[in-house]
Amino acid sequence: MSQTYQKAIEKYQNNNLLLNVVRSSKSMPLSFLDIPNVIGTGSISETAGLSGLFISAQPSSLGGLFSAAGATVGASSLSPSLGLSLGRSFNFTQSSLQNAQFEKEFLSTIPVESIHFFAKNHIPRELIFSLTVAGIEVQTPDGSATVLYNNPTSADFPKFQAYLRRLINNGLSTEILSVDTPLGPALDIKKLGPAIGGTILEYVRAKKAEQVDFKPVSDKTPDMYQFSQQSKVARICFLPTKNTKEVIEEFGESMFCQNPLGTKQQKKETLGVTGTLNPNISKTSLAFQIRSNRDIYQYLGQVLLAQQQKDPRMTYLQASTMSQLVQKQAEDLVVPLIVINKNPPFGSKSLAFIEYDGDVYSIPSENNGYSAMVIDVLSQFLNLNKIPGSIPSSPAVLVK
């Protein structure tokens, strides 16, 4: 029962994701459904019995009673019976996610924290950055600025791919830091009076959940104290690699990830890739344009359009060491971002299969590059958009 439900829901979710990619390729509105509850029943019953009809000229005779059927006119007849019945069924409700709560999250820029989760766990960096980065702004020391857009239908798309690939090879990554944010002005502890200590302790104790602290502003001014609040900040940065020297020469040391063992001053000087062009005019500056969840579907729709042109163009990614399983599917070190077949041969095995506008689209279950991982990322990003209130309490459609 549970396995049947799981298989049905898996196909349902995969098909829904593929359907919205196809819709996006045709510039149609997206629509998502959710299954808030499932009601199922299952039953198994067995019956077994043995019945016999004995007809004999001599029923009291043991030989006549067990004579073979049809052997004599008065032979006995023995008829065994066995029965097994199995029943299982489940109903589920479909609720539309077309509401303000869901759309607000769906159209918001994806937080770097979410990108960090995928990049640091199970998703190759070349895949997660290709899905979430819409463009890269590059400003060279001579003042010239260039924007490289991640659009598979654009003639400049290979330039973006080559530049992003070079950044990843140079250690492009993400990190999450604990940062102290100042609250209010600095206070001279000598001028506040002797009773200020108890007041400060009461305030910090009341704000403990917010990680509020009261400490010296710097070592040079030990009498100047300031309230600060600790928070988590995610950012894009470069990890040390064999190309560290090249990164320093081009971008400077400030774009490196923070070294946990570094000094306080070294940690302060590492800014990462800040999202705006770096004011350091002597080095190349970078700024990343991050997509929303809606933008990812638009991007995948562009990938599908490029595959369907008269001169089909597949979107390939250079596989990293993190994706050796995917490399085994390909003869080269480049693998397709996603493979979507239009009107495939009948009976082909697929991860997702839909009919839309008179055509059939499917994601093959084999030789599909990063397709399975793309489905995984889309599913998890969609789940992150399901904030409280985004799933209606009453079902829209009852499916039996």
Protein backbone atom coordinates (compact mmCIF):
# COMPACT_ATOMS: atom_id res chain seq x y z
CA MET A 1 0.00 0.00 0.00
CA SER A 2 2.64 2.53 1.05
CA GLN A 3 4.95 1.56 -1.81
CA THR A 4 2.17 2.02 -4.34
CA TYR A 5 1.42 5.45 -2.90
CA GLN A 6 5.08 6.48 -2.92
CA LYS A 7 5.56 5.47 -6.55
CA ALA A 8 2.40 7.30 -7.61
CA ILE A 9 3.37 10.48 -5.76
CA GLU A 10 6.93 10.36 -7.11
CA LYS A 11 5.66 10.24 -10.69
CA TYR A 12 3.10 12.92 -9.89
CA GLN A 13 5.73 15.33 -8.55
CA ASN A 14 8.29 14.67 -11.29
CA ASN A 15 5.67 15.12 -14.00
CA ASN A 16 4.49 18.38 -12.42
CA LEU A 17 8.03 19.80 -12.46
CA LEU A 18 8.57 18.78 -16.09
CA LEU A 19 5.18 20.23 -17.05
CA ASN A 20 6.17 23.65 -15.70
CA VAL A 21 9.51 23.57 -17.53
CA VAL A 22 7.61 22.93 -20.77
CA ARG A 23 5.13 25.69 -19.91
CA SER A 24 8.00 28.09 -19.32
CA SER A 25 9.52 27.24 -22.72
CA LYS A 26 6.25 28.38 -24.29
CA SER A 27 6.01 31.55 -22.12
CA MET A 28 2.91 30.19 -20.40
CA PRO A 29 1.96 30.75 -16.74
CA LEU A 30 3.27 28.22 -14.24
CA SER A 31 0.96 26.29 -11.97
CA PHE A 32 1.84 24.06 -9.02
CA LEU A 33 -0.29 21.63 -7.07
CA ASP A 34 0.37 20.03 -3.73
CA ILE A 35 -0.97 16.93 -1.99
CA PRO A 36 -1.65 17.91 1.64
CA ASN A 37 -3.12 14.57 2.75
CA VAL A 38 -3.71 11.00 1.65
CA ILE A 39 -6.50 8.70 2.77
CA GLY A 40 -5.87 5.03 2.03
CA THR A 41 -7.43 1.66 2.76
CA GLY A 42 -6.07 -1.84 2.32
CA SER A 43 -7.32 -5.35 3.08
CA ILE A 44 -6.22 -8.94 2.54
CA SER A 45 -8.40 -11.99 3.12
CA GLU A 46 -7.79 -15.70 2.56
CA THR A 47 -10.22 -18.59 2.40
CA ALA A 48 -9.35 -22.26 2.13
CA GLY A 49 -11.61 -25.30 2.23
CA LEU A 50 -12.02 -28.92 1.28
CA SER A 51 -15.32 -30.27 0.10
CA GLY A 52 -16.30 -33.66 -1.30
CA LEU A 53 -19.29 -35.42 -2.83
CA PHE A 54 -19.33 -39.12 -2.21
CA ILE A 55 -21.61 -41.33 -4.27
CA SER A 56 -21.11 -45.07 -3.98
CA ALA A 57 -23.11 -48.22 -4.26
CA GLN A 58 -21.43 -49.29 -1.04
CA PRO A 59 -20.84 -46.06 0.99
CA SER A 60 -20.01 -48.06 4.08
CA SER A 61 -17.20 -49.79 2.20
CA LEU A 62 -13.78 -48.18 2.67
CA GLY A 63 -12.70 -49.26 -0.82
CA GLY A 64 -15.81 -47.83 -2.44
CA LEU A 65 -15.49 -44.58 -0.51
CA PHE A 66 -11.97 -43.80 -1.77
CA SER A 67 -12.19 -45.20 -5.25
CA ALA A 68 -10.81 -42.91 -8.01
CA ALA A 69 -13.28 -40.51 -9.62
CA GLY A 70 -14.73 -42.04 -12.74
CA ALA A 71 -13.26 -45.47 -12.06
CA THR A 72 -16.72 -46.99 -11.37
CA VAL A 73 -20.30 -45.86 -11.55
CA GLY A 74 -20.39 -45.43 -7.83
CA ALA A 75 -17.04 -43.64 -7.53
CA SER A 76 -16.53 -40.75 -5.09
CA SER A 77 -15.80 -37.15 -6.14
CA LEU A 78 -13.43 -34.91 -4.13
CA SER A 79 -13.34 -31.11 -4.84
CA PRO A 80 -10.81 -28.89 -2.89
CA SER A 81 -11.07 -25.07 -3.00
CA LEU A 82 -8.71 -22.19 -2.10
CA GLY A 83 -9.37 -18.45 -2.36
CA LEU A 84 -7.28 -15.27 -1.87
CA SER A 85 -8.54 -11.72 -2.20
CA LEU A 86 -6.46 -8.54 -1.99
CA GLY A 87 -7.78 -4.99 -2.00
CA ARG A 88 -5.97 -1.69 -1.73
CA SER A 89 -6.83 1.87 -2.65
CA PHE A 90 -6.02 5.43 -1.66
CA ASN A 91 -7.51 8.84 -2.24
CA PHE A 92 -5.59 12.10 -2.10
CA THR A 93 -6.48 15.77 -2.29
CA GLN A 94 -4.86 18.30 -4.61
CA SER A 95 -4.46 21.88 -3.49
CA SER A 96 -3.37 24.72 -5.74
CA LEU A 97 -0.37 26.81 -4.68
CA GLN A 98 -1.59 29.82 -6.64
CA ASN A 99 -1.79 32.26 -3.73
CA ALA A 100 0.03 35.35 -2.50
CA GLN A 101 2.06 33.58 0.21
CA PHE A 102 3.53 31.03 -2.18
CA GLU A 103 4.05 33.46 -5.08
CA LYS A 104 5.92 35.93 -2.87
CA GLU A 105 8.47 33.28 -1.93
CA PHE A 106 8.51 31.81 -5.44
CA LEU A 107 9.41 35.19 -7.00
CA SER A 108 11.97 36.18 -4.34
CA THR A 109 15.70 35.94 -4.97
CA ILE A 110 17.11 32.63 -3.77
CA PRO A 111 19.13 33.22 -0.58
CA VAL A 112 22.84 32.45 -0.72
CA GLU A 113 22.24 30.25 2.35
CA SER A 114 20.20 27.88 0.18
CA ILE A 115 22.90 27.82 -2.49
CA HIS A 116 25.45 27.07 0.23
CA PHE A 117 23.40 24.08 1.43
CA PHE A 118 23.36 22.51 -2.03
CA ALA A 119 26.97 23.38 -2.92
CA LYS A 120 28.34 21.97 0.34
CA ASN A 121 26.37 18.74 0.41
CA HIS A 122 25.30 16.71 -2.59
CA ILE A 123 25.02 18.97 -5.64
CA PRO A 124 28.08 19.70 -7.85
CA ARG A 125 29.06 23.37 -7.88
CA GLU A 126 28.90 23.62 -11.67
CA LEU A 127 25.26 22.54 -11.52
CA ILE A 128 24.01 24.68 -8.64
CA PHE A 129 25.75 27.82 -9.93
CA SER A 130 24.45 27.22 -13.47
CA LEU A 131 20.91 26.96 -12.13
CA THR A 132 20.98 29.90 -9.71
CA VAL A 133 23.29 32.49 -11.33
CA ALA A 134 21.51 34.62 -13.94
CA GLY A 135 24.53 36.71 -14.84
CA ILE A 136 27.99 37.88 -13.78
CA GLU A 137 29.07 41.52 -13.81
CA VAL A 138 32.78 41.96 -14.44
CA GLN A 139 34.63 45.27 -14.12
CA THR A 140 38.32 45.37 -15.02
CA PRO A 141 40.88 47.83 -13.60
CA ASP A 142 40.72 49.94 -16.78
CA GLY A 143 37.09 50.78 -15.96
CA SER A 144 35.39 48.67 -18.61
CA ALA A 145 32.37 46.68 -17.40
CA THR A 146 30.83 43.58 -18.94
CA VAL A 147 27.74 41.57 -18.05
CA LEU A 148 27.75 37.89 -19.00
CA TYR A 149 24.23 36.46 -19.11
CA ASN A 150 23.36 32.82 -18.48
CA ASN A 151 20.95 32.41 -21.40
CA PRO A 152 21.28 29.23 -23.52
CA THR A 153 19.49 30.86 -26.47
CA SER A 154 21.98 33.74 -26.61
CA ALA A 155 24.99 33.75 -28.94
CA ASP A 156 27.16 34.90 -25.99
CA PHE A 157 26.17 31.94 -23.82
CA PRO A 158 29.49 30.08 -24.41
CA LYS A 159 31.34 33.12 -22.97
CA PHE A 160 29.35 32.89 -19.75
CA GLN A 161 29.95 29.15 -19.47
CA ALA A 162 33.69 29.53 -20.06
CA TYR A 163 33.98 32.32 -17.46
CA LEU A 164 31.94 30.47 -14.83
CA ARG A 165 33.96 27.31 -15.46
CA ARG A 166 37.18 29.26 -14.88
CA LEU A 167 35.83 30.72 -11.63
CA ILE A 168 34.84 27.25 -10.38
CA ASN A 169 38.26 25.85 -11.26
CA ASN A 170 39.75 28.74 -9.28
CA GLY A 171 37.77 27.72 -6.18
CA LEU A 172 34.43 29.56 -6.42
CA SER A 173 32.35 28.43 -3.44
CA THR A 174 30.16 29.68 -0.59
CA GLU A 175 30.45 30.06 3.17
CA ILE A 176 28.35 30.99 6.21
CA LEU A 177 29.87 33.29 8.83
CA SER A 178 28.91 34.52 12.27
CA VAL A 179 28.95 38.31 12.08
CA ASP A 180 28.59 40.88 14.87
CA THR A 181 26.29 43.71 13.81
CA PRO A 182 26.66 46.92 15.89
CA LEU A 183 23.52 48.14 17.67
CA GLY A 184 23.41 51.83 18.50
CA PRO A 185 26.34 54.17 19.18
CA ALA A 186 29.52 53.38 21.10
CA LEU A 187 29.29 54.24 24.81
CA ASP A 188 32.00 55.56 27.13
CA ILE A 189 31.79 53.22 30.10
CA LYS A 190 33.41 55.81 32.43
CA LYS A 191 30.64 58.34 31.84
CA LEU A 192 27.74 55.96 32.33
CA GLY A 193 27.95 55.65 36.10
CA PRO A 194 28.32 52.67 38.45
CA ALA A 195 24.72 51.45 38.03
CA ILE A 196 25.11 50.85 34.32
CA GLY A 197 26.56 47.36 34.84
CA GLY A 198 23.33 45.91 36.23
CA THR A 199 21.25 47.60 33.54
CA ILE A 200 23.45 46.12 30.82
CA LEU A 201 23.22 42.63 32.29
CA GLU A 202 19.42 42.85 32.44
CA TYR A 203 19.25 44.03 28.82
CA VAL A 204 21.58 41.32 27.53
CA ARG A 205 19.73 38.67 29.55
CA ALA A 206 16.40 39.80 28.09
CA LYS A 207 17.84 39.68 24.56
CA LYS A 208 19.74 36.41 24.96
CA ALA A 209 17.71 34.71 22.27
CA GLU A 210 18.93 37.33 19.80
CA GLN A 211 22.59 36.80 20.78
CA VAL A 212 23.12 40.37 21.98
CA ASP A 213 26.52 41.19 23.43
CA PHE A 214 28.15 44.25 25.02
CA LYS A 215 31.89 44.48 24.46
CA PRO A 216 34.73 46.92 23.69
CA VAL A 217 34.68 48.49 20.25
CA SER A 218 38.39 47.84 19.72
CA ASP A 219 41.58 47.11 21.63
CA LYS A 220 42.76 50.70 21.14
CA THR A 221 39.73 52.16 22.96
CA PRO A 222 39.09 49.85 25.94
CA ASP A 223 36.65 52.32 27.56
CA MET A 224 34.33 52.47 24.53
CA TYR A 225 31.70 49.73 24.57
CA GLN A 226 28.93 48.91 22.14
CA PHE A 227 25.98 46.55 21.87
CA SER A 228 26.23 44.05 19.03
CA GLN A 229 24.05 41.25 17.72
CA GLN A 230 25.43 38.03 16.29
CA SER A 231 23.88 36.79 13.04
CA LYS A 232 24.63 34.30 10.28
CA VAL A 233 25.65 35.67 6.89
CA ALA A 234 26.17 33.62 3.72
CA ARG A 235 28.33 34.83 0.86
CA ILE A 236 30.11 33.72 -2.29
CA CYS A 237 33.89 33.51 -2.09
CA PHE A 238 36.98 31.67 -3.35
CA LEU A 239 38.52 28.68 -1.61
CA PRO A 240 42.29 28.25 -1.67
CA THR A 241 43.33 26.08 -4.64
CA LYS A 242 46.38 25.52 -6.79
CA ASN A 243 45.28 28.67 -8.65
CA THR A 244 45.31 30.88 -5.54
CA LYS A 245 48.10 33.06 -6.89
CA GLU A 246 46.12 33.71 -10.07
CA VAL A 247 43.03 34.69 -8.03
CA ILE A 248 45.04 37.13 -5.89
CA GLU A 249 46.57 38.79 -8.93
CA GLU A 250 43.20 39.22 -10.67
CA PHE A 251 40.70 39.80 -7.86
CA GLY A 252 42.77 40.49 -4.73
CA GLU A 253 42.79 38.72 -1.37
CA SER A 254 39.49 40.16 -0.13
CA MET A 255 37.39 37.74 -2.21
CA PHE A 256 38.72 34.63 -0.44
CA CYS A 257 36.65 32.70 2.07
CA GLN A 258 37.43 33.44 5.69
CA ASN A 259 40.18 31.38 7.28
CA PRO A 260 38.89 30.11 10.67
CA LEU A 261 42.47 30.14 11.97
CA GLY A 262 43.25 33.63 10.68
CA THR A 263 43.73 36.72 12.80
CA LYS A 264 40.90 39.12 13.61
CA GLN A 265 42.25 41.61 11.09
CA GLN A 266 42.56 38.96 8.38
CA LYS A 267 38.96 37.89 8.95
CA LYS A 268 37.84 41.50 8.74
CA GLU A 269 39.62 42.00 5.41
CA THR A 270 38.00 38.99 3.70
CA LEU A 271 34.82 40.36 2.17
CA GLY A 272 34.04 37.63 -0.34
CA VAL A 273 32.13 38.44 -3.52
CA THR A 274 29.83 41.09 -2.09
CA GLY A 275 27.12 41.21 -4.78
CA THR A 276 28.12 44.73 -5.82
CA LEU A 277 31.17 45.78 -7.76
CA ASN A 278 34.24 46.10 -5.52
CA PRO A 279 35.48 49.68 -5.10
CA ASN A 280 39.08 48.43 -5.40
CA ILE A 281 39.89 49.89 -8.82
CA SER A 282 43.25 48.13 -9.02
CA LYS A 283 41.63 44.68 -9.23
CA THR A 284 38.88 43.05 -11.25
CA SER A 285 35.49 43.29 -9.52
CA LEU A 286 32.73 40.67 -9.60
CA ALA A 287 29.01 40.80 -8.86
CA PHE A 288 26.62 37.87 -9.18
CA GLN A 289 22.98 38.20 -10.20
CA ILE A 290 21.07 35.46 -8.37
CA ARG A 291 17.86 34.01 -9.75
CA SER A 292 14.50 33.44 -8.11
CA ASN A 293 12.85 30.03 -8.20
CA ARG A 294 10.64 31.30 -11.02
CA ASP A 295 13.74 32.34 -12.97
CA ILE A 296 15.14 28.79 -12.79
CA TYR A 297 12.12 27.46 -14.66
CA GLN A 298 12.54 30.22 -17.24
CA TYR A 299 16.19 29.21 -17.63
CA LEU A 300 15.32 25.52 -18.07
CA GLY A 301 12.66 26.54 -20.58
CA GLN A 302 15.42 28.30 -22.53
CA VAL A 303 17.51 25.13 -22.35
CA LEU A 304 14.57 23.20 -23.81
CA LEU A 305 14.11 25.79 -26.58
CA ALA A 306 17.79 25.50 -27.51
CA GLN A 307 17.39 21.72 -27.81
CA GLN A 308 14.41 22.12 -30.16
CA GLN A 309 15.96 24.56 -32.64
CA LYS A 310 16.65 23.55 -36.25
CA ASP A 311 20.27 23.35 -35.19
CA PRO A 312 19.79 21.75 -31.74
CA ARG A 313 22.14 22.97 -29.02
CA MET A 314 22.49 20.96 -25.84
CA THR A 315 23.56 22.74 -22.68
CA TYR A 316 26.61 20.89 -21.38
CA LEU A 317 28.47 21.33 -18.10
CA GLN A 318 32.04 20.35 -17.36
CA ALA A 319 31.76 17.67 -14.70
CA SER A 320 33.77 18.20 -11.52
CA THR A 321 35.33 15.60 -9.24
CA MET A 322 32.14 15.77 -7.14
CA SER A 323 30.12 14.19 -9.94
CA GLN A 324 32.04 11.06 -10.85
CA LEU A 325 28.82 9.03 -11.03
CA VAL A 326 27.56 11.34 -13.75
CA GLN A 327 30.90 11.13 -15.57
CA LYS A 328 30.45 7.37 -15.92
CA GLN A 329 27.41 8.02 -18.10
CA ALA A 330 29.42 10.10 -20.57
CA GLU A 331 32.46 9.40 -22.68
CA ASP A 332 33.69 12.97 -22.23
CA LEU A 333 34.06 15.19 -19.16
CA VAL A 334 31.05 17.24 -20.24
CA VAL A 335 27.51 16.10 -19.50
CA PRO A 336 24.10 17.56 -20.40
CA LEU A 337 22.46 19.83 -17.85
CA ILE A 338 19.10 18.23 -18.58
CA VAL A 339 17.76 15.99 -21.35
CA ILE A 340 14.14 16.45 -22.44
CA ASN A 341 12.97 14.37 -25.41
CA LYS A 342 10.06 15.57 -27.52
CA ASN A 343 7.75 12.84 -28.87
CA PRO A 344 10.06 9.96 -27.83
CA PRO A 345 9.56 6.37 -29.08
CA PHE A 346 6.60 4.61 -27.49
CA GLY A 347 7.49 2.57 -24.42
CA SER A 348 10.70 4.46 -23.55
CA LYS A 349 11.57 4.44 -19.84
CA SER A 350 11.38 7.88 -18.28
CA LEU A 351 11.82 9.79 -15.02
CA ALA A 352 9.00 12.14 -16.01
CA PHE A 353 6.44 12.00 -18.80
CA ILE A 354 3.78 14.55 -19.80
CA GLU A 355 1.52 15.45 -22.69
CA TYR A 356 1.17 19.15 -23.48
CA ASP A 357 -0.32 21.01 -26.42
CA GLY A 358 -0.46 17.90 -28.61
CA ASP A 359 3.14 16.79 -27.96
CA VAL A 360 4.75 14.34 -25.57
CA TYR A 361 7.79 15.31 -23.48
CA SER A 362 9.88 12.98 -21.35
CA ILE A 363 13.08 12.91 -19.32
CA PRO A 364 14.76 9.55 -20.04
CA SER A 365 15.72 7.39 -17.09
CA GLU A 366 19.13 6.56 -18.62
CA ASN A 367 21.86 8.65 -20.26
CA ASN A 368 20.21 11.80 -18.97
CA GLY A 369 23.23 13.72 -17.63
CA TYR A 370 22.33 15.86 -14.60
CA SER A 371 18.56 15.48 -15.18
CA ALA A 372 17.90 13.53 -11.96
CA MET A 373 19.84 16.09 -9.91
CA VAL A 374 17.97 18.95 -11.58
CA ILE A 375 14.66 17.33 -10.59
CA ASP A 376 16.02 16.96 -7.05
CA VAL A 377 17.03 20.64 -6.82
CA LEU A 378 13.73 21.86 -8.28
CA SER A 379 11.80 19.74 -5.80
CA GLN A 380 13.73 21.01 -2.79
CA PHE A 381 13.59 24.66 -3.88
CA LEU A 382 9.84 24.26 -4.31
CA ASN A 383 9.52 22.80 -0.81
CA LEU A 384 11.42 25.79 0.61
CA ASN A 385 8.75 28.06 -0.91
CA LYS A 386 5.96 26.25 0.95
CA ILE A 387 5.87 28.57 3.93
CA PRO A 388 3.03 28.45 6.50
CA GLY A 389 -0.15 29.62 4.82
CA SER A 390 0.95 28.81 1.28
CA ILE A 391 -0.85 25.42 1.22
CA PRO A 392 -4.65 25.84 1.44
CA SER A 393 -6.28 24.04 4.34
CA SER A 394 -9.25 22.92 2.25
CA PRO A 395 -8.60 20.74 -0.81
CA ALA A 396 -9.26 22.03 -4.29
CA VAL A 397 -9.71 18.68 -6.04
CA LEU A 398 -10.45 15.24 -4.65
CA VAL A 399 -8.81 12.50 -6.71
CA LYS A 400 -10.03 8.92 -6.40
